[in-house]
N, C-alpha and C. Protein backbone atom coordinates (compact mmCIF):
# COMPACT_ATOMS: atom_id res chain seq x y z
N MET A 1 -29.82 -13.39 -47.32
CA MET A 1 -29.55 -12.98 -46.76
C MET A 1 -27.94 -14.02 -46.25
N GLY A 2 -26.49 -13.99 -45.73
CA GLY A 2 -25.68 -14.81 -45.43
C GLY A 2 -25.75 -14.59 -43.99
N LEU A 3 -25.28 -15.53 -43.33
CA LEU A 3 -24.99 -14.79 -41.54
C LEU A 3 -23.48 -14.39 -41.63
N LEU A 4 -23.88 -13.89 -40.18
CA LEU A 4 -22.44 -13.08 -39.44
C LEU A 4 -21.60 -14.27 -38.66
N THR A 5 -20.81 -14.88 -39.08
CA THR A 5 -20.15 -15.77 -38.04
C THR A 5 -18.77 -15.15 -37.30
N PHE A 6 -18.85 -15.40 -35.77
CA PHE A 6 -17.97 -14.99 -35.45
C PHE A 6 -17.03 -16.27 -35.36
N SER A 7 -15.27 -15.95 -35.42
CA SER A 7 -14.97 -16.92 -35.59
C SER A 7 -13.23 -16.39 -35.13
N ILE A 8 -12.53 -17.09 -34.27
CA ILE A 8 -11.16 -16.89 -33.16
C ILE A 8 -10.85 -17.87 -32.35
N ASN A 9 -9.93 -18.06 -32.09
CA ASN A 9 -8.77 -18.70 -31.01
C ASN A 9 -9.60 -18.37 -29.33
N VAL A 10 -9.45 -19.49 -29.51
CA VAL A 10 -9.77 -18.51 -27.44
C VAL A 10 -9.33 -19.72 -26.83
N THR A 11 -8.91 -19.49 -25.59
CA THR A 11 -7.83 -20.19 -24.33
C THR A 11 -9.13 -20.87 -23.65
N LEU A 12 -9.11 -21.99 -22.41
CA LEU A 12 -10.24 -21.57 -21.52
C LEU A 12 -10.27 -21.13 -20.77
N ASP A 13 -9.96 -19.94 -20.43
CA ASP A 13 -9.85 -19.02 -19.65
C ASP A 13 -10.30 -17.44 -20.38
N GLY A 14 -10.51 -18.11 -21.35
CA GLY A 14 -11.32 -16.42 -22.21
C GLY A 14 -9.74 -16.09 -23.25
N CYS A 15 -8.91 -16.28 -23.44
CA CYS A 15 -8.21 -15.14 -23.58
C CYS A 15 -8.11 -15.90 -25.06
N VAL A 16 -7.64 -14.09 -26.23
CA VAL A 16 -8.33 -14.07 -27.60
C VAL A 16 -6.73 -13.40 -27.56
N ASP A 17 -6.58 -13.42 -27.23
CA ASP A 17 -4.50 -13.19 -27.98
C ASP A 17 -3.69 -14.14 -28.97
N HIS A 18 -4.22 -13.89 -30.60
CA HIS A 18 -3.40 -14.83 -31.15
C HIS A 18 -2.18 -15.47 -31.64
N GLU A 19 -1.14 -14.97 -29.71
CA GLU A 19 -0.49 -15.51 -30.05
C GLU A 19 0.09 -16.91 -29.10
N VAL A 20 -1.14 -16.72 -28.50
CA VAL A 20 -1.18 -18.24 -27.49
C VAL A 20 -1.10 -19.35 -28.40
N GLY A 21 -2.85 -19.02 -28.53
CA GLY A 21 -3.16 -21.03 -29.38
C GLY A 21 -2.21 -21.60 -30.38
N ILE A 22 -2.32 -23.05 -30.88
CA ILE A 22 -1.73 -23.22 -31.49
C ILE A 22 -2.05 -23.59 -32.65
N ALA A 23 -1.29 -23.35 -33.05
CA ALA A 23 -1.69 -22.58 -35.50
C ALA A 23 0.04 -23.87 -35.64
N ASP A 24 -1.15 -25.19 -35.43
CA ASP A 24 -0.22 -26.28 -36.63
C ASP A 24 -1.61 -26.48 -38.02
N ASP A 25 -0.64 -27.09 -39.17
CA ASP A 25 -1.83 -27.66 -40.11
C ASP A 25 -3.08 -27.51 -40.44
N GLU A 26 -3.22 -27.90 -38.49
CA GLU A 26 -4.94 -28.54 -38.79
C GLU A 26 -5.97 -27.46 -38.36
N THR A 27 -5.52 -26.94 -37.53
CA THR A 27 -5.85 -25.69 -37.79
C THR A 27 -6.06 -24.41 -38.57
N HIS A 28 -4.55 -24.05 -38.89
CA HIS A 28 -5.00 -23.50 -41.05
C HIS A 28 -6.13 -24.24 -41.00
N ALA A 29 -5.86 -25.45 -41.38
CA ALA A 29 -6.65 -25.59 -42.00
C ALA A 29 -8.19 -26.01 -41.91
N PHE A 30 -8.50 -25.41 -40.67
CA PHE A 30 -10.16 -24.98 -39.59
C PHE A 30 -10.37 -23.34 -40.76
N PHE A 31 -9.34 -22.54 -39.88
CA PHE A 31 -9.45 -21.59 -40.70
C PHE A 31 -9.98 -21.15 -42.77
N THR A 32 -9.04 -22.32 -42.98
CA THR A 32 -9.26 -22.11 -44.69
C THR A 32 -10.20 -22.36 -45.28
N ARG A 33 -10.88 -23.68 -44.02
CA ARG A 33 -12.64 -23.97 -44.70
C ARG A 33 -13.55 -23.50 -44.50
N LEU A 34 -13.43 -22.21 -42.52
CA LEU A 34 -14.40 -20.89 -43.37
C LEU A 34 -14.26 -20.17 -44.01
N LEU A 35 -12.96 -19.96 -44.95
CA LEU A 35 -12.85 -18.33 -45.65
C LEU A 35 -13.63 -19.31 -46.65
N ASP A 36 -13.44 -20.30 -47.00
CA ASP A 36 -13.75 -21.31 -48.41
C ASP A 36 -15.17 -21.06 -48.67
N GLU A 37 -15.97 -21.21 -46.85
CA GLU A 37 -17.18 -21.03 -46.51
C GLU A 37 -18.23 -20.20 -46.83
N SER A 38 -17.30 -18.67 -46.41
CA SER A 38 -16.97 -16.81 -46.41
C SER A 38 -17.49 -16.29 -48.22
N GLY A 39 -18.55 -16.09 -47.69
CA GLY A 39 -18.53 -14.42 -48.91
C GLY A 39 -17.01 -13.32 -48.62
N ALA A 40 -17.21 -13.02 -47.43
CA ALA A 40 -16.13 -11.67 -47.04
C ALA A 40 -15.40 -12.76 -45.45
N MET A 41 -15.17 -11.34 -45.16
CA MET A 41 -14.39 -11.10 -44.71
C MET A 41 -14.66 -10.16 -43.75
N LEU A 42 -14.88 -9.52 -42.44
CA LEU A 42 -15.32 -8.53 -41.45
C LEU A 42 -14.44 -8.30 -40.70
N TRP A 43 -13.51 -7.71 -40.85
CA TRP A 43 -12.08 -6.88 -39.15
C TRP A 43 -12.73 -6.17 -38.74
N GLY A 44 -12.49 -5.48 -38.40
CA GLY A 44 -11.43 -3.65 -36.95
C GLY A 44 -10.87 -3.30 -37.70
N ARG A 45 -10.61 -2.37 -37.24
CA ARG A 45 -8.73 -2.16 -37.95
C ARG A 45 -7.79 -2.41 -36.96
N THR A 46 -7.37 -2.29 -36.35
CA THR A 46 -6.32 -3.25 -35.35
C THR A 46 -6.28 -4.39 -36.10
N THR A 47 -7.54 -4.93 -36.13
CA THR A 47 -7.22 -6.74 -36.84
C THR A 47 -6.55 -6.58 -38.32
N TYR A 48 -7.26 -5.23 -38.87
CA TYR A 48 -6.44 -5.63 -40.29
C TYR A 48 -5.70 -5.39 -40.73
N GLU A 49 -5.28 -4.31 -40.03
CA GLU A 49 -3.58 -4.00 -39.25
C GLU A 49 -3.01 -4.53 -39.55
N MET A 50 -3.50 -6.12 -38.67
CA MET A 50 -2.15 -7.69 -37.40
C MET A 50 -1.48 -7.94 -39.04
N MET A 51 -2.60 -7.95 -40.07
CA MET A 51 -3.24 -9.04 -40.81
C MET A 51 -1.84 -8.39 -41.47
N GLU A 52 -2.74 -7.35 -42.59
CA GLU A 52 -2.13 -6.81 -43.60
C GLU A 52 0.09 -6.82 -43.11
N VAL A 53 0.33 -7.03 -42.20
CA VAL A 53 1.26 -6.41 -42.79
C VAL A 53 2.39 -7.53 -42.65
N SER A 54 1.69 -8.88 -42.47
CA SER A 54 2.93 -10.23 -43.03
C SER A 54 1.80 -10.57 -43.72
N TRP A 55 0.51 -10.59 -44.32
CA TRP A 55 -0.37 -12.06 -45.41
C TRP A 55 0.10 -11.73 -46.67
N PRO A 56 -0.16 -10.24 -46.80
CA PRO A 56 -0.28 -9.92 -48.36
C PRO A 56 1.37 -10.89 -48.99
N ALA A 57 2.17 -10.57 -47.72
CA ALA A 57 3.60 -11.27 -48.47
C ALA A 57 3.38 -12.78 -48.76
N VAL A 58 3.65 -13.20 -47.99
CA VAL A 58 2.78 -14.84 -47.84
C VAL A 58 1.58 -14.41 -48.97
N ALA A 59 1.16 -15.07 -49.21
CA ALA A 59 0.14 -14.64 -50.62
C ALA A 59 0.90 -14.89 -51.97
N ARG A 60 2.41 -13.81 -51.81
CA ARG A 60 2.77 -13.33 -53.12
C ARG A 60 4.04 -14.40 -52.68
N GLY A 61 3.59 -14.91 -52.35
CA GLY A 61 5.10 -16.44 -52.03
C GLY A 61 6.47 -15.45 -51.56
N GLU A 62 6.20 -14.07 -50.77
CA GLU A 62 7.93 -13.29 -50.81
C GLU A 62 8.81 -13.67 -49.73
N VAL A 63 7.71 -14.88 -48.64
CA VAL A 63 7.71 -14.96 -47.64
C VAL A 63 7.73 -16.57 -47.88
N GLU A 64 8.60 -16.96 -46.78
CA GLU A 64 8.49 -18.82 -47.04
C GLU A 64 7.96 -19.20 -45.79
N ALA A 65 7.01 -19.69 -46.11
CA ALA A 65 5.63 -20.81 -45.00
C ALA A 65 4.81 -21.27 -45.63
N PRO A 66 4.47 -22.17 -44.65
CA PRO A 66 4.18 -24.22 -44.83
C PRO A 66 3.20 -24.14 -45.85
N PRO A 67 2.72 -25.26 -46.65
CA PRO A 67 1.87 -24.96 -47.68
C PRO A 67 0.22 -24.70 -47.28
N ALA A 68 0.35 -25.23 -45.87
CA ALA A 68 -1.53 -24.72 -45.59
C ALA A 68 -1.46 -23.39 -45.00
N LEU A 69 -0.06 -22.88 -45.11
CA LEU A 69 -0.36 -21.47 -44.49
C LEU A 69 -0.28 -20.73 -45.68
N ARG A 70 0.75 -20.71 -46.81
CA ARG A 70 0.82 -20.40 -48.23
C ARG A 70 -0.68 -20.37 -48.09
N GLU A 71 -1.31 -21.69 -48.01
CA GLU A 71 -3.11 -22.35 -49.13
C GLU A 71 -3.78 -21.27 -48.59
N TRP A 72 -3.80 -20.56 -47.17
CA TRP A 72 -4.56 -19.79 -46.48
C TRP A 72 -4.31 -18.97 -46.85
N ALA A 73 -3.29 -18.11 -46.75
CA ALA A 73 -2.80 -16.41 -47.53
C ALA A 73 -3.04 -16.50 -48.42
N VAL A 74 -3.47 -17.25 -49.33
CA VAL A 74 -3.93 -16.97 -51.13
C VAL A 74 -5.29 -16.52 -50.77
N LYS A 75 -6.23 -17.49 -50.10
CA LYS A 75 -7.35 -17.57 -50.45
C LYS A 75 -8.04 -16.46 -49.46
N LEU A 76 -7.01 -16.17 -47.98
CA LEU A 76 -7.53 -14.50 -47.74
C LEU A 76 -7.38 -13.20 -48.09
N ASP A 77 -6.30 -12.82 -49.34
CA ASP A 77 -5.68 -12.39 -49.89
C ASP A 77 -7.17 -11.78 -51.43
N ALA A 78 -8.07 -12.90 -51.37
CA ALA A 78 -8.50 -12.89 -53.17
C ALA A 78 -9.90 -12.74 -52.27
N LYS A 79 -10.00 -13.46 -50.94
CA LYS A 79 -10.95 -12.17 -50.29
C LYS A 79 -11.39 -11.01 -49.99
N PRO A 80 -13.41 -10.86 -50.21
CA PRO A 80 -13.22 -9.26 -50.29
C PRO A 80 -13.26 -8.96 -48.58
N LYS A 81 -12.46 -8.13 -47.95
CA LYS A 81 -12.51 -7.50 -46.85
C LYS A 81 -12.60 -6.93 -46.39
N TYR A 82 -13.32 -6.68 -45.48
CA TYR A 82 -13.97 -4.78 -45.18
C TYR A 82 -13.83 -4.71 -43.78
N VAL A 83 -13.02 -3.37 -43.49
CA VAL A 83 -13.14 -2.50 -42.40
C VAL A 83 -13.77 -2.03 -41.77
N VAL A 84 -13.88 -1.92 -40.93
CA VAL A 84 -14.96 -0.79 -39.52
C VAL A 84 -13.47 -0.19 -39.27
N SER A 85 -13.49 1.59 -38.81
CA SER A 85 -12.23 2.01 -38.92
C SER A 85 -12.90 3.35 -39.47
N SER A 86 -13.69 4.43 -38.08
CA SER A 86 -13.15 5.24 -37.75
C SER A 86 -11.89 6.71 -38.20
N THR A 87 -10.90 5.58 -37.94
CA THR A 87 -10.20 6.90 -38.08
C THR A 87 -9.10 6.63 -38.94
N ARG A 88 -9.63 5.99 -39.81
CA ARG A 88 -8.27 5.56 -41.98
C ARG A 88 -9.54 4.66 -42.40
N ASP A 89 -9.15 5.17 -44.11
CA ASP A 89 -9.45 5.53 -45.15
C ASP A 89 -8.93 4.82 -45.79
N ASP A 90 -7.99 4.66 -46.05
CA ASP A 90 -7.26 4.35 -47.12
C ASP A 90 -6.60 2.26 -46.68
N PHE A 91 -7.06 1.59 -47.23
CA PHE A 91 -6.89 0.66 -46.89
C PHE A 91 -5.77 -0.64 -48.19
N PRO A 92 -4.81 0.02 -48.72
CA PRO A 92 -3.81 -0.81 -49.89
C PRO A 92 -4.12 -2.54 -49.53
N TRP A 93 -4.20 -3.36 -49.49
CA TRP A 93 -4.71 -4.57 -49.08
C TRP A 93 -5.66 -4.43 -50.42
N ILE A 94 -5.39 -5.68 -51.54
CA ILE A 94 -6.41 -5.92 -52.31
C ILE A 94 -7.58 -5.86 -51.97
N ASN A 95 -8.50 -6.06 -53.15
CA ASN A 95 -10.45 -6.59 -51.49
C ASN A 95 -10.76 -5.79 -50.81
N SER A 96 -9.28 -5.03 -49.96
CA SER A 96 -10.14 -4.61 -48.96
C SER A 96 -11.00 -2.88 -48.75
N HIS A 97 -11.98 -3.12 -48.40
CA HIS A 97 -12.48 -2.06 -48.82
C HIS A 97 -12.78 -0.97 -46.73
N ARG A 98 -13.49 0.07 -47.08
CA ARG A 98 -13.61 0.77 -45.35
C ARG A 98 -15.67 0.79 -45.83
N LEU A 99 -15.65 -0.27 -44.19
CA LEU A 99 -17.28 -0.67 -44.50
C LEU A 99 -17.87 0.52 -44.36
N ASP A 100 -18.55 1.95 -44.57
CA ASP A 100 -19.39 3.13 -44.09
C ASP A 100 -20.34 3.32 -43.21
N GLY A 101 -20.75 4.55 -43.11
CA GLY A 101 -21.85 4.60 -42.69
C GLY A 101 -22.62 4.43 -41.14
N GLU A 102 -23.53 4.03 -40.73
CA GLU A 102 -23.99 3.65 -39.26
C GLU A 102 -23.82 2.16 -39.23
N LEU A 103 -22.67 1.94 -38.05
CA LEU A 103 -22.62 0.11 -37.86
C LEU A 103 -23.40 -0.81 -38.10
N ARG A 104 -24.88 -0.18 -37.53
CA ARG A 104 -25.94 -1.63 -37.45
C ARG A 104 -26.27 -1.38 -38.85
N ALA A 105 -26.18 -0.31 -39.52
CA ALA A 105 -27.07 -0.69 -41.39
C ALA A 105 -25.00 -0.98 -41.69
N SER A 106 -25.27 -0.58 -41.91
CA SER A 106 -23.87 -1.04 -42.79
C SER A 106 -23.19 -2.62 -42.37
N VAL A 107 -23.56 -3.22 -42.19
CA VAL A 107 -23.28 -4.50 -41.28
C VAL A 107 -24.55 -4.80 -41.73
N GLN A 108 -25.26 -4.93 -41.70
CA GLN A 108 -26.68 -5.72 -41.72
C GLN A 108 -26.78 -5.49 -43.57
N GLN A 109 -26.19 -4.50 -44.24
CA GLN A 109 -26.39 -4.56 -45.95
C GLN A 109 -25.22 -4.97 -46.07
N LEU A 110 -24.24 -5.29 -45.68
CA LEU A 110 -23.08 -6.17 -45.89
C LEU A 110 -22.88 -7.51 -45.94
N LYS A 111 -24.41 -7.80 -44.42
CA LYS A 111 -24.96 -9.52 -44.41
C LYS A 111 -25.89 -10.12 -45.61
N ASP A 112 -26.63 -8.30 -45.74
CA ASP A 112 -27.36 -9.09 -47.11
C ASP A 112 -26.89 -9.02 -48.27
N ASP A 113 -26.11 -8.32 -48.26
CA ASP A 113 -25.50 -8.26 -49.78
C ASP A 113 -24.40 -9.56 -50.39
N THR A 114 -23.94 -10.21 -49.13
CA THR A 114 -22.83 -11.21 -49.55
C THR A 114 -23.95 -12.35 -49.09
N PRO A 115 -24.92 -13.42 -49.46
CA PRO A 115 -25.71 -14.94 -49.72
C PRO A 115 -24.42 -15.69 -48.77
N GLU A 116 -23.31 -15.35 -49.09
CA GLU A 116 -22.16 -16.68 -48.84
C GLU A 116 -22.28 -16.77 -47.49
N GLY A 117 -22.25 -15.89 -46.86
CA GLY A 117 -22.21 -14.72 -45.36
C GLY A 117 -20.64 -14.55 -45.28
N VAL A 118 -20.56 -14.09 -44.21
CA VAL A 118 -19.36 -13.06 -43.73
C VAL A 118 -18.99 -13.45 -42.34
N LEU A 119 -17.41 -13.68 -42.62
CA LEU A 119 -16.75 -14.31 -41.55
C LEU A 119 -15.79 -12.71 -40.71
N LEU A 120 -16.32 -12.76 -39.39
CA LEU A 120 -15.92 -11.74 -38.81
C LEU A 120 -14.94 -12.43 -38.09
N GLY A 121 -12.88 -11.30 -37.60
CA GLY A 121 -12.24 -12.46 -37.27
C GLY A 121 -12.30 -11.54 -36.10
N SER A 122 -12.64 -10.95 -35.65
CA SER A 122 -12.05 -9.61 -34.39
C SER A 122 -13.19 -9.43 -33.28
N GLY A 123 -12.82 -10.03 -32.39
CA GLY A 123 -12.92 -9.73 -30.55
C GLY A 123 -13.56 -8.95 -29.84
N MET A 124 -13.04 -7.34 -30.93
CA MET A 124 -13.37 -6.10 -30.09
C MET A 124 -14.83 -5.90 -31.08
N LEU A 125 -14.70 -6.11 -32.60
CA LEU A 125 -15.54 -5.93 -32.87
C LEU A 125 -16.83 -6.31 -33.32
N ALA A 126 -16.43 -7.89 -32.86
CA ALA A 126 -17.51 -8.98 -32.47
C ALA A 126 -18.15 -8.35 -31.52
N ALA A 127 -17.56 -7.78 -30.22
CA ALA A 127 -18.20 -7.72 -29.15
C ALA A 127 -19.41 -6.57 -29.04
N GLU A 128 -18.92 -5.15 -29.54
CA GLU A 128 -20.03 -4.03 -30.07
C GLU A 128 -21.58 -4.86 -31.56
N LEU A 129 -20.84 -6.19 -32.32
CA LEU A 129 -22.26 -6.30 -33.01
C LEU A 129 -22.73 -7.90 -32.61
N ASP A 130 -22.26 -7.85 -31.02
CA ASP A 130 -22.84 -9.55 -30.62
C ASP A 130 -24.61 -8.32 -30.12
N ARG A 131 -23.88 -6.95 -29.26
CA ARG A 131 -24.35 -5.90 -29.02
C ARG A 131 -25.68 -5.73 -29.27
N LEU A 132 -25.95 -5.57 -30.23
CA LEU A 132 -26.30 -4.89 -31.57
C LEU A 132 -27.01 -5.96 -32.39
N ASP A 133 -27.13 -7.27 -32.08
CA ASP A 133 -28.00 -8.81 -31.97
C ASP A 133 -27.89 -8.69 -34.18
N LEU A 134 -26.31 -8.56 -34.32
CA LEU A 134 -25.71 -8.59 -35.55
C LEU A 134 -25.34 -9.83 -35.97
N ILE A 135 -24.58 -10.70 -35.11
CA ILE A 135 -23.75 -12.35 -35.41
C ILE A 135 -24.88 -13.38 -35.15
N ASP A 136 -24.33 -14.26 -35.48
CA ASP A 136 -25.50 -15.23 -36.12
C ASP A 136 -24.95 -16.60 -35.57
N GLU A 137 -23.45 -16.11 -35.63
CA GLU A 137 -23.19 -17.93 -35.42
C GLU A 137 -21.40 -17.88 -34.82
N TYR A 138 -21.36 -18.63 -33.90
CA TYR A 138 -19.78 -18.64 -33.21
C TYR A 138 -19.25 -19.94 -33.90
N ARG A 139 -18.12 -19.87 -34.49
CA ARG A 139 -16.63 -20.83 -34.79
C ARG A 139 -15.29 -20.38 -33.78
N PHE A 140 -15.84 -21.52 -32.75
CA PHE A 140 -14.13 -21.08 -32.01
C PHE A 140 -13.23 -21.83 -31.98
N LEU A 141 -11.55 -21.23 -32.23
CA LEU A 141 -11.48 -23.06 -32.41
C LEU A 141 -10.57 -22.68 -29.85
N VAL A 142 -11.47 -23.42 -29.15
CA VAL A 142 -11.00 -23.53 -27.95
C VAL A 142 -9.49 -24.85 -27.51
N GLN A 143 -8.98 -23.40 -27.65
CA GLN A 143 -7.46 -23.59 -27.25
C GLN A 143 -7.30 -24.69 -25.11
N PRO A 144 -6.31 -25.63 -26.27
CA PRO A 144 -6.55 -26.51 -24.01
C PRO A 144 -5.27 -25.56 -23.68
N ARG A 145 -5.51 -24.59 -23.21
CA ARG A 145 -4.58 -23.40 -22.25
C ARG A 145 -4.99 -22.82 -21.40
N ILE A 146 -4.92 -22.16 -20.45
CA ILE A 146 -4.78 -21.12 -19.72
C ILE A 146 -3.95 -20.43 -19.73
N ALA A 147 -4.44 -19.14 -20.22
CA ALA A 147 -2.79 -18.31 -20.83
C ALA A 147 -2.74 -17.49 -19.92
N GLY A 148 -3.90 -16.73 -18.84
CA GLY A 148 -3.78 -15.83 -17.63
C GLY A 148 -3.06 -14.24 -17.77
N HIS A 149 -4.45 -14.12 -19.61
CA HIS A 149 -3.82 -12.96 -19.32
C HIS A 149 -4.91 -12.53 -20.40
N GLY A 150 -4.85 -11.12 -20.50
CA GLY A 150 -6.06 -11.18 -21.76
C GLY A 150 -5.17 -10.62 -23.46
N PRO A 151 -5.41 -10.23 -24.33
CA PRO A 151 -7.31 -10.00 -23.93
C PRO A 151 -8.46 -10.85 -23.58
N THR A 152 -9.25 -10.43 -23.30
CA THR A 152 -10.65 -11.70 -22.93
C THR A 152 -11.19 -11.12 -23.68
N LEU A 153 -12.56 -12.48 -24.36
CA LEU A 153 -13.83 -12.31 -25.79
C LEU A 153 -14.88 -12.13 -24.42
N TYR A 154 -14.88 -10.99 -25.22
CA TYR A 154 -16.31 -10.24 -24.44
C TYR A 154 -15.78 -9.56 -22.85
N GLN A 155 -14.21 -8.83 -22.75
CA GLN A 155 -13.94 -8.12 -22.17
C GLN A 155 -14.65 -7.14 -20.77
N SER A 156 -15.47 -6.22 -22.46
CA SER A 156 -16.24 -4.50 -21.92
C SER A 156 -18.00 -5.81 -22.28
N GLY A 157 -18.35 -7.13 -22.05
CA GLY A 157 -19.14 -7.65 -21.76
C GLY A 157 -19.92 -7.37 -22.66
N LEU A 158 -21.60 -7.31 -22.41
CA LEU A 158 -22.80 -7.93 -22.91
C LEU A 158 -23.51 -7.49 -22.09
N PRO A 159 -24.77 -7.36 -22.36
CA PRO A 159 -26.05 -6.57 -22.23
C PRO A 159 -26.61 -7.76 -21.80
N ALA A 160 -27.11 -9.22 -22.29
CA ALA A 160 -27.72 -9.97 -21.51
C ALA A 160 -26.59 -11.15 -21.75
N THR A 161 -26.99 -11.82 -21.51
CA THR A 161 -26.45 -13.26 -21.75
C THR A 161 -26.91 -14.04 -22.85
N ARG A 162 -25.93 -14.68 -23.56
CA ARG A 162 -26.69 -15.16 -25.07
C ARG A 162 -26.75 -16.70 -24.95
N ARG A 163 -28.28 -16.62 -25.08
CA ARG A 163 -28.13 -18.61 -25.65
C ARG A 163 -27.79 -18.44 -26.65
N LEU A 164 -26.52 -20.26 -26.54
CA LEU A 164 -26.67 -20.41 -27.92
C LEU A 164 -26.99 -21.98 -28.18
N GLU A 165 -26.85 -22.30 -29.17
CA GLU A 165 -27.41 -23.91 -29.32
C GLU A 165 -26.03 -24.35 -29.66
N LEU A 166 -25.50 -25.81 -29.68
CA LEU A 166 -24.55 -26.79 -30.50
C LEU A 166 -24.52 -27.38 -31.13
N VAL A 167 -24.06 -26.83 -32.36
CA VAL A 167 -24.34 -27.17 -33.99
C VAL A 167 -22.63 -28.67 -33.94
N SER A 168 -22.10 -28.37 -33.61
CA SER A 168 -21.20 -29.31 -33.37
C SER A 168 -20.56 -28.97 -33.04
N ALA A 169 -19.07 -30.11 -32.12
CA ALA A 169 -17.15 -29.78 -31.89
C ALA A 169 -17.22 -31.13 -32.13
N THR A 170 -16.17 -31.06 -32.67
CA THR A 170 -14.79 -31.29 -33.46
C THR A 170 -13.52 -31.73 -32.28
N PRO A 171 -12.81 -32.17 -31.95
CA PRO A 171 -11.53 -32.50 -30.96
C PRO A 171 -10.01 -32.47 -32.28
N LEU A 172 -9.71 -31.50 -32.47
CA LEU A 172 -8.58 -32.19 -33.19
C LEU A 172 -7.07 -32.65 -32.77
N ARG A 173 -6.61 -33.17 -33.02
CA ARG A 173 -5.06 -33.90 -32.87
C ARG A 173 -4.90 -32.82 -31.91
N SER A 174 -4.35 -31.98 -31.76
CA SER A 174 -3.30 -30.89 -30.45
C SER A 174 -4.18 -30.97 -29.83
N GLY A 175 -5.38 -31.21 -29.54
CA GLY A 175 -6.20 -31.18 -27.97
C GLY A 175 -7.33 -29.89 -28.21
N VAL A 176 -7.01 -29.47 -29.85
CA VAL A 176 -8.22 -27.90 -29.86
C VAL A 176 -9.33 -28.73 -30.12
N LEU A 177 -10.52 -27.53 -29.04
CA LEU A 177 -11.38 -28.45 -29.93
C LEU A 177 -12.06 -27.27 -30.79
N ALA A 178 -12.80 -27.39 -32.26
CA ALA A 178 -13.38 -27.12 -33.02
C ALA A 178 -15.03 -27.10 -32.59
N THR A 179 -15.61 -25.85 -32.46
CA THR A 179 -16.85 -25.81 -31.90
C THR A 179 -17.83 -24.37 -32.58
N HIS A 180 -18.75 -25.48 -32.69
CA HIS A 180 -19.70 -24.73 -33.68
C HIS A 180 -21.57 -24.44 -33.22
N TYR A 181 -21.31 -23.09 -33.01
CA TYR A 181 -22.82 -22.41 -32.23
C TYR A 181 -23.51 -21.97 -32.61
N ARG A 182 -24.73 -21.83 -33.12
CA ARG A 182 -25.43 -21.17 -33.13
C ARG A 182 -26.12 -20.56 -32.19
N ARG A 183 -26.81 -19.14 -32.78
CA ARG A 183 -27.32 -18.61 -31.76
C ARG A 183 -29.06 -19.06 -31.09
N ALA A 184 -29.67 -19.39 -30.61
CA ALA A 184 -30.57 -19.40 -30.35
C ALA A 184 -32.21 -18.05 -30.20
N ARG A 185 -33.02 -18.29 -30.96
CA ARG A 185 -34.23 -17.06 -31.92
C ARG A 185 -35.15 -17.33 -30.84
């Protein structure tokens, strides 16, 4: 069985707005490594739709992008992508699939079927999967910024505090802190 790893950029005040973080070669290399280490991506519909608007064109070379972004886009394009959605069933981006059935069972089956692990990149979906005790690890890029707005990490709350064990914390040149936590069981 593979692990489900939640990874996202987050500011010091908990903001997970994708436009607030530092996006440089080093942070893109971090996410590319995570992608390389995972067997599949898992997103909610909103995140999928945000990603499908631009990244396939970058992967195909139709949009000019720095080498680090293009490398990430090409690897993302090739990776199996699973989407949780109750309102959409057509996912034309290559290697994209709707995750059907009851959420707990379908995500557990995806973990069971993906020994390399599943990388989760949607904040709202992560909150729901955390309520279901399905997230095993957390890989956050903590941004050296205070956004002063949302959306925020787990703004809908959790039923209980999650105890985590620090695996590693690595400062990047930009001041971003790459953290890796595992659920304390």
